[in-house]
Structures are given as C-alpha cells and as structure tokens.
C-alpha cells in the first residue's frame, strides 16, 4: 500500500474515534454537520476541549456558510435528554 493511502486511512480512523468520543459524551453533532472535520464542527470541538459547555456559545461558533440552524446545533449539543 502506498504512503498516501495509509495516511488517508489513518485520518479516517482518527475522525471515527473523535465521532465515537463525542457520541459517548452524548454530543450528537454528526447529526447536524455532514463533516465533523469541517470548520464549524472543528471550532465547536476545540471550544469543548478548552472547557466551554454552554450550548448557545458553542452554536454561535458555527461558520456563516453552515446550513444547520443554531437551534438544531444547540439540540445536538444537548444530546438525548433522559
């Protein structure tokens, strides 16, 4: 296998691990972002890693070009209410 194919495969595995971790934390952003490696999703993930937990502040980080509404993002960040 060529080096590029290995790198692409490794990147895909890392994105799957990120998605799994977010799901385990009850954060469902994969339902509102088609690509968790995109600008909006990465900005939200970075803010979560720095300690931000307010869903409204996190939703405000979405890129202007994002098709998902702030309300949908807030619901996804809240996860499943029990």
Protein backbone atom coordinates (compact mmCIF):
# COMPACT_ATOMS: atom_id res chain seq x y z
CA UNK A 1 0.00 0.00 0.00
CA UNK A 2 1.30 3.47 -0.82
CA UNK A 3 2.12 6.02 1.84
CA UNK A 4 -0.73 8.36 0.83
CA UNK A 5 -3.33 5.61 1.19
CA UNK A 6 -2.02 4.83 4.67
CA UNK A 7 -2.22 8.50 5.68
CA UNK A 8 -5.80 8.81 4.38
CA UNK A 9 -6.77 5.63 6.22
CA UNK A 10 -5.20 6.85 9.45
CA UNK A 11 -7.01 10.19 9.16
CA UNK A 12 -10.33 8.40 8.67
CA UNK A 13 -9.69 6.26 11.76
CA UNK A 14 -8.95 9.36 13.84
CA UNK A 15 -12.19 11.02 12.70
CA UNK A 16 -14.11 7.87 13.65
CA UNK A 17 -12.51 7.93 17.11
CA UNK A 18 -13.48 11.60 17.53
CA UNK A 19 -17.05 10.81 16.49
CA UNK A 20 -17.19 7.86 18.89
CA UNK A 21 -15.89 10.00 21.76
CA UNK A 22 -18.46 12.71 21.06
CA UNK A 23 -21.23 10.12 20.97
CA UNK A 24 -20.08 8.69 24.30
CA UNK A 25 -20.24 12.22 25.73
CA UNK A 26 -23.84 12.45 24.44
CA UNK A 27 -22.93 15.12 21.88
CA UNK A 28 -24.67 14.41 18.58
CA UNK A 29 -23.07 16.94 16.25
CA UNK A 30 -22.72 14.36 13.50
CA UNK A 31 -26.48 14.77 13.01
CA UNK A 32 -26.17 18.47 12.11
CA UNK A 33 -22.78 18.56 10.38
CA UNK A 34 -22.12 16.42 7.34
CA UNK A 35 -18.40 16.53 8.09
CA UNK A 36 -17.03 16.68 11.62
CA UNK A 37 -13.72 17.74 10.09
CA UNK A 38 -15.32 20.94 8.78
CA UNK A 39 -14.80 24.48 10.01
CA UNK A 40 -17.89 24.69 12.24
CA UNK A 41 -17.55 21.26 13.83
CA UNK A 42 -13.84 21.74 14.48
CA UNK A 43 -14.44 25.16 16.09
CA UNK A 44 -17.05 23.63 18.40
CA UNK A 45 -14.85 20.65 19.26
CA UNK A 46 -11.90 22.96 20.01
CA UNK A 47 -14.08 25.07 22.32
CA UNK A 48 -15.33 21.96 24.12
CA UNK A 49 -11.72 20.86 24.64
CA UNK A 50 -10.89 24.23 26.19
CA UNK A 51 -13.76 23.80 28.66
CA UNK A 52 -16.73 25.59 27.10
CA UNK A 53 -20.02 23.82 27.88
CA UNK A 54 -22.69 26.44 27.11
CA UNK A 55 -24.57 25.13 24.05
CA UNK A 56 -25.58 28.62 22.91
CA UNK A 57 -21.98 29.86 22.96
CA UNK A 58 -20.85 26.73 21.13
CA UNK A 59 -23.58 27.08 18.49
CA UNK A 60 -22.50 30.69 17.92
CA UNK A 61 -19.16 29.36 16.67
CA UNK A 62 -20.74 27.90 13.54
CA UNK A 63 -19.48 29.22 10.23
CA UNK A 64 -21.75 31.63 8.31
CA UNK A 65 -21.95 29.14 5.45
CA UNK A 66 -23.27 26.36 7.72
CA UNK A 67 -26.69 25.10 6.62
CA UNK A 68 -27.74 23.89 10.07
CA UNK A 69 -29.58 26.39 12.23
CA UNK A 70 -28.31 27.45 15.64
CA UNK A 71 -31.35 25.79 17.22
CA UNK A 72 -30.54 22.44 15.60
CA UNK A 73 -26.92 22.69 16.74
CA UNK A 74 -27.98 23.52 20.30
CA UNK A 75 -30.24 20.45 20.39
CA UNK A 76 -27.43 18.26 19.05
CA UNK A 77 -25.06 19.59 21.71
CA UNK A 78 -27.59 18.80 24.42
CA UNK A 79 -27.77 15.20 23.21
CA UNK A 80 -30.52 12.90 24.41
CA UNK A 81 -32.32 14.13 27.49
CA UNK A 82 -33.02 11.39 29.97
